Amino acid sequence: MRKSNSGLAQALLALRSRLARYHPEKHYMRGPGPKTLSKLGDAYREQTESDLHERVPEAWLALIQSIRERERKG
């Protein structure tokens, strides 16, 4: 009787070892890496840089410049 129990135990241990090896959380992709995000960010900045400069009114730029000058003097 002991022999059949040990065979069953060995089969269960073998099955457990096969199932326990694979951890899906270690294998799936979590998203783009830093290099990809850097490339995408550079491309986005190039596309939107002119839009940003066009959207800021000249009066605001003059106001910002005057504030900077006051801070330098004060």
PDB file of N, CA and C in Angstrom:
ATOM      1  N   MET A   1       0.808  -1.184   0.000  1.00  0.00           N
ATOM      2  CA  MET A   1       0.000   0.000   0.000  1.00  0.00           C
ATOM      3  C   MET A   1       0.857   1.257   0.000  1.00  0.00           C
ATOM      4  N   ARG A   2       1.963   1.191   0.708  1.00  0.00           N
ATOM      5  CA  ARG A   2       2.848   2.349   0.754  1.00  0.00           C
ATOM      6  C   ARG A   2       3.422   2.685  -0.609  1.00  0.00           C
ATOM      7  N   LYS A   3       3.674   1.693  -1.411  1.00  0.00           N
ATOM      8  CA  LYS A   3       4.275   1.920  -2.713  1.00  0.00           C
ATOM      9  C   LYS A   3       3.326   2.730  -3.608  1.00  0.00           C
ATOM     10  N   SER A   4       2.052   2.439  -3.567  1.00  0.00           N
ATOM     11  CA  SER A   4       1.107   3.175  -4.397  1.00  0.00           C
ATOM     12  C   SER A   4       0.947   4.602  -3.901  1.00  0.00           C
ATOM     13  N   ASN A   5       1.029   4.805  -2.597  1.00  0.00           N
ATOM     14  CA  ASN A   5       0.943   6.156  -2.055  1.00  0.00           C
ATOM     15  C   ASN A   5       2.157   6.979  -2.442  1.00  0.00           C
ATOM     16  N   SER A   6       3.321   6.386  -2.433  1.00  0.00           N
ATOM     17  CA  SER A   6       4.523   7.129  -2.795  1.00  0.00           C
ATOM     18  C   SER A   6       4.502   7.475  -4.289  1.00  0.00           C
ATOM     19  N   GLY A   7       3.948   6.581  -5.111  1.00  0.00           N
ATOM     20  CA  GLY A   7       3.811   6.863  -6.539  1.00  0.00           C
ATOM     21  C   GLY A   7       2.863   8.020  -6.783  1.00  0.00           C
ATOM     22  N   LEU A   8       1.787   8.048  -6.041  1.00  0.00           N
ATOM     23  CA  LEU A   8       0.825   9.141  -6.148  1.00  0.00           C
ATOM     24  C   LEU A   8       1.463  10.450  -5.678  1.00  0.00           C
ATOM     25  N   ALA A   9       2.204  10.375  -4.596  1.00  0.00           N
ATOM     26  CA  ALA A   9       2.875  11.574  -4.077  1.00  0.00           C
ATOM     27  C   ALA A   9       3.893  12.090  -5.089  1.00  0.00           C
ATOM     28  N   GLN A  10       4.636  11.198  -5.705  1.00  0.00           N
ATOM     29  CA  GLN A  10       5.615  11.610  -6.706  1.00  0.00           C
ATOM     30  C   GLN A  10       4.926  12.232  -7.913  1.00  0.00           C
ATOM     31  N   ALA A  11       3.807  11.664  -8.325  1.00  0.00           N
ATOM     32  CA  ALA A  11       3.072  12.219  -9.459  1.00  0.00           C
ATOM     33  C   ALA A  11       2.547  13.608  -9.126  1.00  0.00           C
ATOM     34  N   LEU A  12       2.029  13.797  -7.916  1.00  0.00           N
ATOM     35  CA  LEU A  12       1.543  15.112  -7.508  1.00  0.00           C
ATOM     36  C   LEU A  12       2.679  16.134  -7.425  1.00  0.00           C
ATOM     37  N   LEU A  13       3.813  15.715  -6.903  1.00  0.00           N
ATOM     38  CA  LEU A  13       4.966  16.617  -6.833  1.00  0.00           C
ATOM     39  C   LEU A  13       5.462  16.993  -8.223  1.00  0.00           C
ATOM     40  N   ALA A  14       5.464  16.033  -9.144  1.00  0.00           N
ATOM     41  CA  ALA A  14       5.884  16.327 -10.518  1.00  0.00           C
ATOM     42  C   ALA A  14       4.917  17.300 -11.177  1.00  0.00           C
ATOM     43  N   LEU A  15       3.625  17.108 -10.962  1.00  0.00           N
ATOM     44  CA  LEU A  15       2.626  18.005 -11.514  1.00  0.00           C
ATOM     45  C   LEU A  15       2.773  19.407 -10.916  1.00  0.00           C
ATOM     46  N   ARG A  16       2.991  19.465  -9.624  1.00  0.00           N
ATOM     47  CA  ARG A  16       3.163  20.762  -8.957  1.00  0.00           C
ATOM     48  C   ARG A  16       4.391  21.495  -9.479  1.00  0.00           C
ATOM     49  N   SER A  17       5.474  20.772  -9.677  1.00  0.00           N
ATOM     50  CA  SER A  17       6.689  21.428 -10.157  1.00  0.00           C
ATOM     51  C   SER A  17       6.512  21.954 -11.587  1.00  0.00           C
ATOM     52  N   ARG A  18       5.749  21.243 -12.403  1.00  0.00           N
ATOM     53  CA  ARG A  18       5.502  21.723 -13.765  1.00  0.00           C
ATOM     54  C   ARG A  18       4.602  22.948 -13.770  1.00  0.00           C
ATOM     55  N   LEU A  19       3.620  22.975 -12.913  1.00  0.00           N
ATOM     56  CA  LEU A  19       2.696  24.101 -12.869  1.00  0.00           C
ATOM     57  C   LEU A  19       3.303  25.321 -12.187  1.00  0.00           C
ATOM     58  N   ALA A  20       4.183  25.098 -11.254  1.00  0.00           N
ATOM     59  CA  ALA A  20       4.745  26.199 -10.468  1.00  0.00           C
ATOM     60  C   ALA A  20       5.843  26.949 -11.219  1.00  0.00           C
ATOM     61  N   ARG A  21       6.342  26.408 -12.290  1.00  0.00           N
ATOM     62  CA  ARG A  21       7.439  27.050 -13.015  1.00  0.00           C
ATOM     63  C   ARG A  21       7.005  28.326 -13.729  1.00  0.00           C
ATOM     64  N   TYR A  22       5.829  28.350 -14.278  1.00  0.00           N
ATOM     65  CA  TYR A  22       5.396  29.460 -15.110  1.00  0.00           C
ATOM     66  C   TYR A  22       4.685  30.516 -14.263  1.00  0.00           C
ATOM     67  N   HIS A  23       5.219  31.717 -14.305  1.00  0.00           N
ATOM     68  CA  HIS A  23       4.610  32.850 -13.626  1.00  0.00           C
ATOM     69  C   HIS A  23       4.277  33.895 -14.685  1.00  0.00           C
ATOM     70  N   PRO A  24       3.013  33.973 -15.085  1.00  0.00           N
ATOM     71  CA  PRO A  24       2.658  34.871 -16.186  1.00  0.00           C
ATOM     72  C   PRO A  24       2.986  36.322 -15.904  1.00  0.00           C
ATOM     73  N   GLU A  25       2.944  36.753 -14.659  1.00  0.00           N
ATOM     74  CA  GLU A  25       3.244  38.147 -14.362  1.00  0.00           C
ATOM     75  C   GLU A  25       4.682  38.523 -14.696  1.00  0.00           C
ATOM     76  N   LYS A  26       5.539  37.534 -14.845  1.00  0.00           N
ATOM     77  CA  LYS A  26       6.929  37.801 -15.211  1.00  0.00           C
ATOM     78  C   LYS A  26       7.125  37.880 -16.723  1.00  0.00           C
ATOM     79  N   HIS A  27       6.120  37.494 -17.509  1.00  0.00           N
ATOM     80  CA  HIS A  27       6.320  37.369 -18.943  1.00  0.00           C
ATOM     81  C   HIS A  27       5.525  38.343 -19.798  1.00  0.00           C
ATOM     82  N   TYR A  28       4.468  38.910 -19.266  1.00  0.00           N
ATOM     83  CA  TYR A  28       3.677  39.780 -20.130  1.00  0.00           C
ATOM     84  C   TYR A  28       4.311  41.162 -20.212  1.00  0.00           C
ATOM     85  N   MET A  29       4.079  41.848 -21.319  1.00  0.00           N
ATOM     86  CA  MET A  29       4.648  43.183 -21.503  1.00  0.00           C
ATOM     87  C   MET A  29       3.821  44.200 -20.739  1.00  0.00           C
ATOM     88  N   ARG A  30       4.505  45.068 -20.056  1.00  0.00           N
ATOM     89  CA  ARG A  30       3.816  46.052 -19.239  1.00  0.00           C
ATOM     90  C   ARG A  30       3.612  47.364 -19.975  1.00  0.00           C
ATOM     91  N   GLY A  31       4.173  47.533 -21.135  1.00  0.00           N
ATOM     92  CA  GLY A  31       4.019  48.763 -21.891  1.00  0.00           C
ATOM     93  C   GLY A  31       5.337  49.162 -22.512  1.00  0.00           C
ATOM     94  N   PRO A  32       5.336  50.284 -23.215  1.00  0.00           N
ATOM     95  CA  PRO A  32       6.576  50.714 -23.856  1.00  0.00           C
ATOM     96  C   PRO A  32       7.624  51.121 -22.829  1.00  0.00           C
ATOM     97  N   GLY A  33       8.861  50.907 -23.180  1.00  0.00           N
ATOM     98  CA  GLY A  33       9.957  51.233 -22.284  1.00  0.00           C
ATOM     99  C   GLY A  33      10.378  52.688 -22.388  1.00  0.00           C
ATOM    100  N   PRO A  34      11.381  53.082 -21.629  1.00  0.00           N
ATOM    101  CA  PRO A  34      11.805  54.478 -21.603  1.00  0.00           C
ATOM    102  C   PRO A  34      12.342  54.989 -22.934  1.00  0.00           C
ATOM    103  N   LYS A  35      13.002  54.145 -23.697  1.00  0.00           N
ATOM    104  CA  LYS A  35      13.535  54.593 -24.992  1.00  0.00           C
ATOM    105  C   LYS A  35      12.393  54.926 -25.953  1.00  0.00           C
ATOM    106  N   THR A  36      11.388  54.074 -25.977  1.00  0.00           N
ATOM    107  CA  THR A  36      10.246  54.316 -26.850  1.00  0.00           C
ATOM    108  C   THR A  36       9.506  55.573 -26.439  1.00  0.00           C
ATOM    109  N   LEU A  37       9.298  55.748 -25.140  1.00  0.00           N
ATOM    110  CA  LEU A  37       8.604  56.937 -24.664  1.00  0.00           C
ATOM    111  C   LEU A  37       9.402  58.198 -24.970  1.00  0.00           C
ATOM    112  N   SER A  38      10.720  58.115 -24.904  1.00  0.00           N
ATOM    113  CA  SER A  38      11.558  59.260 -25.231  1.00  0.00           C
ATOM    114  C   SER A  38      11.411  59.632 -26.704  1.00  0.00           C
ATOM    115  N   LYS A  39      11.435  58.637 -27.576  1.00  0.00           N
ATOM    116  CA  LYS A  39      11.279  58.894 -29.010  1.00  0.00           C
ATOM    117  C   LYS A  39       9.913  59.498 -29.309  1.00  0.00           C
ATOM    118  N   LEU A  40       8.874  58.955 -28.691  1.00  0.00           N
ATOM    119  CA  LEU A  40       7.529  59.480 -28.913  1.00  0.00           C
ATOM    120  C   LEU A  40       7.415  60.911 -28.391  1.00  0.00           C
ATOM    121  N   GLY A  41       8.026  61.182 -27.244  1.00  0.00           N
ATOM    122  CA  GLY A  41       7.994  62.529 -26.687  1.00  0.00           C
ATOM    123  C   GLY A  41       8.708  63.530 -27.571  1.00  0.00           C
ATOM    124  N   ASP A  42       9.858  63.143 -28.108  1.00  0.00           N
ATOM    125  CA  ASP A  42      10.597  64.033 -29.011  1.00  0.00           C
ATOM    126  C   ASP A  42       9.775  64.342 -30.258  1.00  0.00           C
ATOM    127  N   ALA A  43       9.164  63.322 -30.831  1.00  0.00           N
ATOM    128  CA  ALA A  43       8.348  63.520 -32.033  1.00  0.00           C
ATOM    129  C   ALA A  43       7.156  64.420 -31.722  1.00  0.00           C
ATOM    130  N   TYR A  44       6.534  64.233 -30.576  1.00  0.00           N
ATOM    131  CA  TYR A  44       5.380  65.056 -30.202  1.00  0.00           C
ATOM    132  C   TYR A  44       5.798  66.509 -29.988  1.00  0.00           C
ATOM    133  N   ARG A  45       6.931  66.718 -29.330  1.00  0.00           N
ATOM    134  CA  ARG A  45       7.411  68.088 -29.110  1.00  0.00           C
ATOM    135  C   ARG A  45       7.713  68.789 -30.424  1.00  0.00           C
ATOM    136  N   GLU A  46       8.305  68.077 -31.371  1.00  0.00           N
ATOM    137  CA  GLU A  46       8.599  68.677 -32.673  1.00  0.00           C
ATOM    138  C   GLU A  46       7.313  69.086 -33.387  1.00  0.00           C
ATOM    139  N   GLN A  47       6.288  68.269 -33.285  1.00  0.00           N
ATOM    140  CA  GLN A  47       5.025  68.560 -33.966  1.00  0.00           C
ATOM    141  C   GLN A  47       4.279  69.722 -33.318  1.00  0.00           C
ATOM    142  N   THR A  48       4.365  69.844 -32.007  1.00  0.00           N
ATOM    143  CA  THR A  48       3.547  70.832 -31.300  1.00  0.00           C
ATOM    144  C   THR A  48       4.299  72.093 -30.906  1.00  0.00           C
ATOM    145  N   GLU A  49       5.593  72.157 -31.161  1.00  0.00           N
ATOM    146  CA  GLU A  49       6.373  73.321 -30.747  1.00  0.00           C
ATOM    147  C   GLU A  49       5.866  74.603 -31.412  1.00  0.00           C
ATOM    148  N   SER A  50       5.602  74.546 -32.705  1.00  0.00           N
ATOM    149  CA  SER A  50       5.116  75.736 -33.398  1.00  0.00           C
ATOM    150  C   SER A  50       3.713  76.117 -32.918  1.00  0.00           C
ATOM    151  N   ASP A  51       2.888  75.140 -32.608  1.00  0.00           N
ATOM    152  CA  ASP A  51       1.546  75.431 -32.095  1.00  0.00           C
ATOM    153  C   ASP A  51       1.612  76.173 -30.774  1.00  0.00           C
ATOM    154  N   LEU A  52       2.536  75.780 -29.930  1.00  0.00           N
ATOM    155  CA  LEU A  52       2.661  76.407 -28.620  1.00  0.00           C
ATOM    156  C   LEU A  52       3.070  77.867 -28.749  1.00  0.00           C
ATOM    157  N   HIS A  53       4.034  78.147 -29.606  1.00  0.00           N
ATOM    158  CA  HIS A  53       4.482  79.528 -29.773  1.00  0.00           C
ATOM    159  C   HIS A  53       3.400  80.402 -30.398  1.00  0.00           C
ATOM    160  N   GLU A  54       2.593  79.831 -31.253  1.00  0.00           N
ATOM    161  CA  GLU A  54       1.531  80.591 -31.898  1.00  0.00           C
ATOM    162  C   GLU A  54       0.386  80.900 -30.940  1.00  0.00           C
ATOM    163  N   ARG A  55       0.152  80.057 -29.976  1.00  0.00           N
ATOM    164  CA  ARG A  55      -0.995  80.212 -29.089  1.00  0.00           C
ATOM    165  C   ARG A  55      -0.751  81.232 -27.974  1.00  0.00           C
ATOM    166  N   VAL A  56       0.480  81.535 -27.640  1.00  0.00           N
ATOM    167  CA  VAL A  56       0.767  82.498 -26.580  1.00  0.00           C
ATOM    168  C   VAL A  56       0.710  83.904 -27.183  1.00  0.00           C
ATOM    169  N   PRO A  57      -0.205  84.742 -26.695  1.00  0.00           N
ATOM    170  CA  PRO A  57      -0.337  86.094 -27.257  1.00  0.00           C
ATOM    171  C   PRO A  57       0.910  86.941 -26.986  1.00  0.00           C
ATOM    172  N   GLU A  58       1.169  87.844 -27.877  1.00  0.00           N
ATOM    173  CA  GLU A  58       2.327  88.731 -27.751  1.00  0.00           C
ATOM    174  C   GLU A  58       2.252  89.557 -26.474  1.00  0.00           C
ATOM    175  N   ALA A  59       1.053  89.962 -26.066  1.00  0.00           N
ATOM    176  CA  ALA A  59       0.907  90.755 -24.841  1.00  0.00           C
ATOM    177  C   ALA A  59       1.364  89.958 -23.623  1.00  0.00           C
ATOM    178  N   TRP A  60       1.099  88.683 -23.607  1.00  0.00           N
ATOM    179  CA  TRP A  60       1.528  87.861 -22.484  1.00  0.00           C
ATOM    180  C   TRP A  60       3.046  87.740 -22.456  1.00  0.00           C
ATOM    181  N   LEU A  61       3.643  87.573 -23.624  1.00  0.00           N
ATOM    182  CA  LEU A  61       5.102  87.486 -23.684  1.00  0.00           C
ATOM    183  C   LEU A  61       5.735  88.779 -23.194  1.00  0.00           C
ATOM    184  N   ALA A  62       5.137  89.923 -23.549  1.00  0.00           N
ATOM    185  CA  ALA A  62       5.649  91.203 -23.084  1.00  0.00           C
ATOM    186  C   ALA A  62       5.500  91.322 -21.572  1.00  0.00           C
ATOM    187  N   LEU A  63       4.397  90.849 -21.031  1.00  0.00           N
ATOM    188  CA  LEU A  63       4.177  90.884 -19.587  1.00  0.00           C
ATOM    189  C   LEU A  63       5.205  90.019 -18.859  1.00  0.00           C
ATOM    190  N   ILE A  64       5.442  88.837 -19.365  1.00  0.00           N
ATOM    191  CA  ILE A  64       6.434  87.936 -18.766  1.00  0.00           C
ATOM    192  C   ILE A  64       7.815  88.583 -18.800  1.00  0.00           C
ATOM    193  N   GLN A  65       8.157  89.195 -19.900  1.00  0.00           N
ATOM    194  CA  GLN A  65       9.451  89.855 -20.026  1.00  0.00           C
ATOM    195  C   GLN A  65       9.579  91.003 -19.030  1.00  0.00           C
ATOM    196  N   SER A  66       8.518  91.787 -18.863  1.00  0.00           N
ATOM    197  CA  SER A  66       8.580  92.910 -17.920  1.00  0.00           C
ATOM    198  C   SER A  66       8.707  92.417 -16.484  1.00  0.00           C
ATOM    199  N   ILE A  67       8.046  91.327 -16.155  1.00  0.00           N
ATOM    200  CA  ILE A  67       8.175  90.761 -14.809  1.00  0.00           C
ATOM    201  C   ILE A  67       9.598  90.285 -14.568  1.00  0.00           C
ATOM    202  N   ARG A  68      10.200  89.648 -15.542  1.00  0.00           N
ATOM    203  CA  ARG A  68      11.593  89.195 -15.408  1.00  0.00           C
ATOM    204  C   ARG A  68      12.529  90.377 -15.189  1.00  0.00           C
ATOM    205  N   GLU A  69      12.297  91.460 -15.911  1.00  0.00           N
ATOM    206  CA  GLU A  69      13.154  92.648 -15.760  1.00  0.00           C
ATOM    207  C   GLU A  69      12.998  93.263 -14.379  1.00  0.00           C
ATOM    208  N   ARG A  70      11.766  93.310 -13.868  1.00  0.00           N
ATOM    209  CA  ARG A  70      11.526  93.857 -12.516  1.00  0.00           C
ATOM    210  C   ARG A  70      12.215  93.001 -11.454  1.00  0.00           C
ATOM    211  N   GLU A  71      12.174  91.668 -11.635  1.00  0.00           N
ATOM    212  CA  GLU A  71      12.828  90.776 -10.676  1.00  0.00           C
ATOM    213  C   GLU A  71      14.341  90.955 -10.691  1.00  0.00           C
ATOM    214  N   ARG A  72      14.910  91.206 -11.832  1.00  0.00           N
ATOM    215  CA  ARG A  72      16.364  91.421 -11.932  1.00  0.00           C
ATOM    216  C   ARG A  72      16.768  92.716 -11.259  1.00  0.00           C
ATOM    217  N   LYS A  73      15.948  93.746 -11.412  1.00  0.00           N
ATOM    218  CA  LYS A  73      16.260  95.057 -10.839  1.00  0.00           C
ATOM    219  C   LYS A  73      16.024  95.044  -9.326  1.00  0.00           C
ATOM    220  N   GLY A  74      14.990  94.388  -8.874  1.00  0.00           N
ATOM    221  CA  GLY A  74      14.550  94.467  -7.492  1.00  0.00           C
ATOM    222  C   GLY A  74      15.315  93.623  -6.583  1.00  0.00           C
TER     223      GLY A  74
END
